[in-house]
Amino acid sequence: MLDALFGNATAEKVLLYLEHYGEGYASAIAETYGISLNIVQRQLMRFENAGLLVSVLKGRTRLFLWNPRYAFLAEVRALLAKALRALPAAERKRYFAQRRRPRRSGKPI
């Protein structure tokens, strides 16, 4: 859908993942889409070098987040949010059904 705009399909997937979850690390993104870790890392570094993303270390994991100082961040995120809404429900469920918060203690599974 937006691969022509962002350069390729992997770049689009990385940005859609980050728009949906707000943050992410390379191996989680690669596992979600079933693509090579090396390709995802390359895209994340490309976006970080462009200033769209920033990374922080949490332990031994490099976590990527949106750069709040990026001049066009609101516009890019608005475009990605619209693209997420346009995804078919089956595709959205397949890629973005991962639970990101821990369960409340004592809650049945």
N, C-alpha and C. Protein backbone atom coordinates (compact mmCIF):
# COMPACT_ATOMS: atom_id res chain seq x y z
N MET A 1 0.82 -1.18 0.00
CA MET A 1 0.00 0.00 0.00
C MET A 1 0.87 1.26 0.00
N LEU A 2 1.78 1.39 0.96
CA LEU A 2 2.66 2.55 1.05
C LEU A 2 4.10 2.22 0.68
N ASP A 3 4.34 1.01 0.18
CA ASP A 3 5.71 0.60 -0.11
C ASP A 3 6.39 1.49 -1.15
N ALA A 4 5.65 2.01 -2.11
CA ALA A 4 6.25 2.89 -3.11
C ALA A 4 6.68 4.21 -2.46
N LEU A 5 5.94 4.65 -1.48
CA LEU A 5 6.25 5.90 -0.80
C LEU A 5 7.47 5.76 0.11
N PHE A 6 7.56 4.64 0.83
CA PHE A 6 8.66 4.45 1.77
C PHE A 6 9.85 3.70 1.19
N GLY A 7 9.76 3.26 -0.04
CA GLY A 7 10.90 2.63 -0.69
C GLY A 7 10.74 1.15 -0.91
N ASN A 8 10.16 0.44 0.03
CA ASN A 8 9.94 -1.00 -0.13
C ASN A 8 8.93 -1.49 0.91
N ALA A 9 8.50 -2.71 0.75
CA ALA A 9 7.46 -3.28 1.62
C ALA A 9 7.96 -3.45 3.05
N THR A 10 9.25 -3.77 3.23
CA THR A 10 9.77 -3.95 4.59
C THR A 10 9.74 -2.64 5.36
N ALA A 11 10.08 -1.55 4.71
CA ALA A 11 10.04 -0.24 5.36
C ALA A 11 8.62 0.08 5.81
N GLU A 12 7.66 -0.22 4.97
CA GLU A 12 6.26 0.01 5.31
C GLU A 12 5.86 -0.83 6.52
N LYS A 13 6.23 -2.09 6.53
CA LYS A 13 5.87 -2.98 7.63
C LYS A 13 6.49 -2.53 8.95
N VAL A 14 7.75 -2.12 8.89
CA VAL A 14 8.43 -1.64 10.10
C VAL A 14 7.70 -0.43 10.66
N LEU A 15 7.35 0.51 9.81
CA LEU A 15 6.69 1.72 10.28
C LEU A 15 5.26 1.45 10.77
N LEU A 16 4.56 0.54 10.10
CA LEU A 16 3.21 0.18 10.57
C LEU A 16 3.28 -0.48 11.95
N TYR A 17 4.27 -1.34 12.15
CA TYR A 17 4.45 -1.99 13.46
C TYR A 17 4.68 -0.92 14.53
N LEU A 18 5.58 0.01 14.25
CA LEU A 18 5.89 1.05 15.23
C LEU A 18 4.69 1.97 15.48
N GLU A 19 3.90 2.24 14.45
CA GLU A 19 2.72 3.07 14.64
C GLU A 19 1.70 2.34 15.52
N HIS A 20 1.55 1.06 15.30
CA HIS A 20 0.57 0.30 16.09
C HIS A 20 1.00 0.16 17.54
N TYR A 21 2.24 -0.23 17.77
CA TYR A 21 2.71 -0.50 19.13
C TYR A 21 3.40 0.68 19.81
N GLY A 22 3.84 1.68 19.04
CA GLY A 22 4.51 2.84 19.62
C GLY A 22 6.01 2.66 19.80
N GLU A 23 6.45 1.44 19.87
CA GLU A 23 7.88 1.12 20.02
C GLU A 23 8.08 -0.31 19.58
N GLY A 24 9.33 -0.69 19.37
CA GLY A 24 9.59 -2.06 18.99
C GLY A 24 11.07 -2.34 18.86
N TYR A 25 11.40 -3.60 18.81
CA TYR A 25 12.77 -4.00 18.58
C TYR A 25 12.81 -4.92 17.38
N ALA A 26 13.97 -5.02 16.78
CA ALA A 26 14.11 -5.66 15.47
C ALA A 26 13.62 -7.10 15.43
N SER A 27 13.97 -7.90 16.43
CA SER A 27 13.59 -9.31 16.36
C SER A 27 12.08 -9.50 16.50
N ALA A 28 11.41 -8.66 17.27
CA ALA A 28 9.95 -8.76 17.39
C ALA A 28 9.27 -8.39 16.07
N ILE A 29 9.79 -7.36 15.40
CA ILE A 29 9.23 -6.94 14.12
C ILE A 29 9.44 -8.03 13.08
N ALA A 30 10.66 -8.57 13.02
CA ALA A 30 10.96 -9.63 12.06
C ALA A 30 10.10 -10.86 12.31
N GLU A 31 9.90 -11.22 13.56
CA GLU A 31 9.09 -12.39 13.90
C GLU A 31 7.62 -12.17 13.54
N THR A 32 7.12 -10.97 13.76
CA THR A 32 5.72 -10.66 13.46
C THR A 32 5.42 -10.86 11.98
N TYR A 33 6.30 -10.39 11.13
CA TYR A 33 6.07 -10.46 9.69
C TYR A 33 6.71 -11.66 9.01
N GLY A 34 7.54 -12.40 9.73
CA GLY A 34 8.21 -13.56 9.14
C GLY A 34 9.24 -13.16 8.10
N ILE A 35 9.98 -12.08 8.37
CA ILE A 35 11.02 -11.63 7.44
C ILE A 35 12.38 -11.66 8.15
N SER A 36 13.41 -11.49 7.37
CA SER A 36 14.78 -11.59 7.87
C SER A 36 15.10 -10.49 8.88
N LEU A 37 15.74 -10.87 9.97
CA LEU A 37 16.14 -9.92 11.01
C LEU A 37 17.10 -8.87 10.45
N ASN A 38 18.02 -9.29 9.59
CA ASN A 38 19.00 -8.38 9.02
C ASN A 38 18.33 -7.26 8.22
N ILE A 39 17.31 -7.60 7.47
CA ILE A 39 16.61 -6.61 6.65
C ILE A 39 15.87 -5.62 7.55
N VAL A 40 15.25 -6.11 8.61
CA VAL A 40 14.54 -5.23 9.54
C VAL A 40 15.53 -4.30 10.24
N GLN A 41 16.66 -4.84 10.67
CA GLN A 41 17.68 -4.00 11.32
C GLN A 41 18.17 -2.91 10.39
N ARG A 42 18.36 -3.25 9.13
CA ARG A 42 18.81 -2.27 8.14
C ARG A 42 17.79 -1.14 7.99
N GLN A 43 16.50 -1.49 7.95
CA GLN A 43 15.46 -0.47 7.81
C GLN A 43 15.39 0.41 9.06
N LEU A 44 15.49 -0.19 10.22
CA LEU A 44 15.46 0.58 11.46
C LEU A 44 16.63 1.56 11.53
N MET A 45 17.81 1.11 11.13
CA MET A 45 18.98 1.99 11.14
C MET A 45 18.82 3.10 10.10
N ARG A 46 18.22 2.79 8.97
CA ARG A 46 17.98 3.81 7.94
C ARG A 46 17.06 4.90 8.48
N PHE A 47 15.98 4.50 9.17
CA PHE A 47 15.07 5.48 9.73
C PHE A 47 15.70 6.25 10.89
N GLU A 48 16.56 5.60 11.65
CA GLU A 48 17.23 6.30 12.74
C GLU A 48 18.23 7.32 12.18
N ASN A 49 18.96 6.94 11.14
CA ASN A 49 19.89 7.87 10.51
C ASN A 49 19.17 9.07 9.88
N ALA A 50 17.95 8.85 9.41
CA ALA A 50 17.15 9.93 8.82
C ALA A 50 16.54 10.83 9.90
N GLY A 51 16.54 10.39 11.15
CA GLY A 51 16.01 11.18 12.24
C GLY A 51 14.57 10.88 12.60
N LEU A 52 13.93 9.96 11.90
CA LEU A 52 12.53 9.61 12.17
C LEU A 52 12.40 8.81 13.46
N LEU A 53 13.38 7.96 13.75
CA LEU A 53 13.37 7.12 14.94
C LEU A 53 14.57 7.42 15.82
N VAL A 54 14.46 7.07 17.07
CA VAL A 54 15.59 7.07 18.00
C VAL A 54 15.62 5.70 18.65
N SER A 55 16.77 5.32 19.15
CA SER A 55 16.88 4.03 19.81
C SER A 55 17.47 4.21 21.20
N VAL A 56 17.05 3.33 22.09
CA VAL A 56 17.57 3.30 23.45
C VAL A 56 17.87 1.85 23.79
N LEU A 57 18.85 1.66 24.65
CA LEU A 57 19.17 0.32 25.10
C LEU A 57 18.39 0.02 26.38
N LYS A 58 17.69 -1.10 26.38
CA LYS A 58 17.05 -1.62 27.59
C LYS A 58 17.69 -2.96 27.84
N GLY A 59 18.66 -2.95 28.76
CA GLY A 59 19.46 -4.16 28.96
C GLY A 59 20.33 -4.36 27.74
N ARG A 60 20.16 -5.50 27.07
CA ARG A 60 20.94 -5.78 25.85
C ARG A 60 20.07 -5.62 24.59
N THR A 61 18.89 -5.09 24.75
CA THR A 61 17.96 -4.94 23.63
C THR A 61 17.90 -3.49 23.18
N ARG A 62 18.03 -3.26 21.88
CA ARG A 62 17.90 -1.92 21.32
C ARG A 62 16.44 -1.70 20.94
N LEU A 63 15.80 -0.77 21.63
CA LEU A 63 14.40 -0.46 21.44
C LEU A 63 14.28 0.80 20.58
N PHE A 64 13.45 0.75 19.56
CA PHE A 64 13.27 1.89 18.65
C PHE A 64 11.95 2.58 18.95
N LEU A 65 12.01 3.91 18.99
CA LEU A 65 10.86 4.76 19.30
C LEU A 65 10.79 5.89 18.28
N TRP A 66 9.64 6.56 18.21
CA TRP A 66 9.51 7.73 17.35
C TRP A 66 10.34 8.87 17.93
N ASN A 67 10.98 9.63 17.06
CA ASN A 67 11.76 10.78 17.49
C ASN A 67 10.82 11.98 17.61
N PRO A 68 10.55 12.47 18.81
CA PRO A 68 9.61 13.58 18.97
C PRO A 68 10.11 14.89 18.34
N ARG A 69 11.39 14.98 18.03
CA ARG A 69 11.95 16.19 17.42
C ARG A 69 11.91 16.17 15.89
N TYR A 70 11.45 15.08 15.31
CA TYR A 70 11.39 15.00 13.84
C TYR A 70 10.34 15.98 13.34
N ALA A 71 10.69 16.81 12.37
CA ALA A 71 9.83 17.91 11.91
C ALA A 71 8.49 17.44 11.36
N PHE A 72 8.44 16.30 10.70
CA PHE A 72 7.21 15.83 10.06
C PHE A 72 6.61 14.61 10.76
N LEU A 73 6.90 14.44 12.03
CA LEU A 73 6.45 13.26 12.75
C LEU A 73 4.93 13.15 12.77
N ALA A 74 4.23 14.21 13.05
CA ALA A 74 2.77 14.17 13.12
C ALA A 74 2.17 13.75 11.77
N GLU A 75 2.73 14.26 10.69
CA GLU A 75 2.21 13.94 9.36
C GLU A 75 2.48 12.48 8.99
N VAL A 76 3.69 12.00 9.30
CA VAL A 76 4.03 10.60 9.00
C VAL A 76 3.15 9.67 9.81
N ARG A 77 2.97 9.97 11.09
CA ARG A 77 2.15 9.10 11.94
C ARG A 77 0.68 9.14 11.54
N ALA A 78 0.19 10.30 11.10
CA ALA A 78 -1.19 10.38 10.63
C ALA A 78 -1.39 9.53 9.39
N LEU A 79 -0.42 9.56 8.47
CA LEU A 79 -0.49 8.73 7.27
C LEU A 79 -0.48 7.25 7.62
N LEU A 80 0.39 6.86 8.56
CA LEU A 80 0.47 5.47 8.97
C LEU A 80 -0.79 5.02 9.72
N ALA A 81 -1.36 5.90 10.53
CA ALA A 81 -2.60 5.56 11.23
C ALA A 81 -3.73 5.32 10.23
N LYS A 82 -3.77 6.14 9.20
CA LYS A 82 -4.79 5.96 8.17
C LYS A 82 -4.57 4.65 7.41
N ALA A 83 -3.31 4.32 7.16
CA ALA A 83 -2.98 3.07 6.48
C ALA A 83 -3.37 1.87 7.35
N LEU A 84 -3.16 1.96 8.66
CA LEU A 84 -3.56 0.88 9.56
C LEU A 84 -5.07 0.67 9.54
N ARG A 85 -5.82 1.76 9.52
CA ARG A 85 -7.27 1.64 9.46
C ARG A 85 -7.74 1.03 8.15
N ALA A 86 -6.97 1.23 7.08
CA ALA A 86 -7.35 0.72 5.76
C ALA A 86 -6.98 -0.75 5.56
N LEU A 87 -6.17 -1.32 6.45
CA LEU A 87 -5.80 -2.73 6.33
C LEU A 87 -7.03 -3.61 6.50
N PRO A 88 -7.12 -4.69 5.73
CA PRO A 88 -8.22 -5.63 5.95
C PRO A 88 -8.16 -6.20 7.37
N ALA A 89 -9.33 -6.49 7.92
CA ALA A 89 -9.41 -6.96 9.31
C ALA A 89 -8.61 -8.23 9.54
N ALA A 90 -8.61 -9.14 8.57
CA ALA A 90 -7.86 -10.40 8.73
C ALA A 90 -6.37 -10.13 8.82
N GLU A 91 -5.88 -9.23 8.00
CA GLU A 91 -4.44 -8.91 8.03
C GLU A 91 -4.07 -8.19 9.32
N ARG A 92 -4.92 -7.28 9.75
CA ARG A 92 -4.66 -6.56 11.00
C ARG A 92 -4.63 -7.53 12.18
N LYS A 93 -5.56 -8.49 12.20
CA LYS A 93 -5.60 -9.48 13.28
C LYS A 93 -4.38 -10.39 13.25
N ARG A 94 -3.94 -10.77 12.05
CA ARG A 94 -2.80 -11.67 11.91
C ARG A 94 -1.51 -11.01 12.40
N TYR A 95 -1.31 -9.74 12.08
CA TYR A 95 -0.06 -9.07 12.42
C TYR A 95 -0.07 -8.36 13.77
N PHE A 96 -1.22 -7.89 14.21
CA PHE A 96 -1.25 -7.03 15.39
C PHE A 96 -2.09 -7.58 16.52
N ALA A 97 -2.16 -8.88 16.68
CA ALA A 97 -2.92 -9.48 17.76
C ALA A 97 -2.06 -9.77 18.98
N GLN A 98 -0.79 -9.47 18.91
CA GLN A 98 0.14 -9.77 20.00
C GLN A 98 -0.18 -8.91 21.22
N ARG A 99 -0.25 -9.56 22.35
CA ARG A 99 -0.52 -8.86 23.61
C ARG A 99 0.77 -8.20 24.08
N ARG A 100 0.70 -6.92 24.40
CA ARG A 100 1.88 -6.16 24.80
C ARG A 100 1.94 -5.86 26.30
N ARG A 101 0.84 -6.06 27.01
CA ARG A 101 0.81 -5.77 28.45
C ARG A 101 0.71 -7.06 29.22
N PRO A 102 1.26 -7.09 30.42
CA PRO A 102 1.10 -8.29 31.25
C PRO A 102 -0.34 -8.40 31.74
N ARG A 103 -0.75 -9.61 32.01
CA ARG A 103 -2.09 -9.84 32.57
C ARG A 103 -2.14 -9.43 34.03
N ARG A 104 -3.30 -9.03 34.44
CA ARG A 104 -3.52 -8.71 35.85
C ARG A 104 -3.36 -10.01 36.63
N SER A 105 -2.72 -9.96 37.77
CA SER A 105 -2.50 -11.18 38.56
C SER A 105 -3.84 -11.75 39.01
N GLY A 106 -3.96 -13.05 38.91
CA GLY A 106 -5.18 -13.73 39.31
C GLY A 106 -6.24 -13.82 38.23
N LYS A 107 -6.03 -13.16 37.10
CA LYS A 107 -7.01 -13.19 36.02
C LYS A 107 -6.89 -14.52 35.26
N PRO A 108 -8.00 -15.21 35.03
CA PRO A 108 -7.91 -16.50 34.31
C PRO A 108 -7.50 -16.29 32.86
N ILE A 109 -6.82 -17.28 32.34
CA ILE A 109 -6.34 -17.21 30.95
C ILE A 109 -7.37 -17.63 30.02
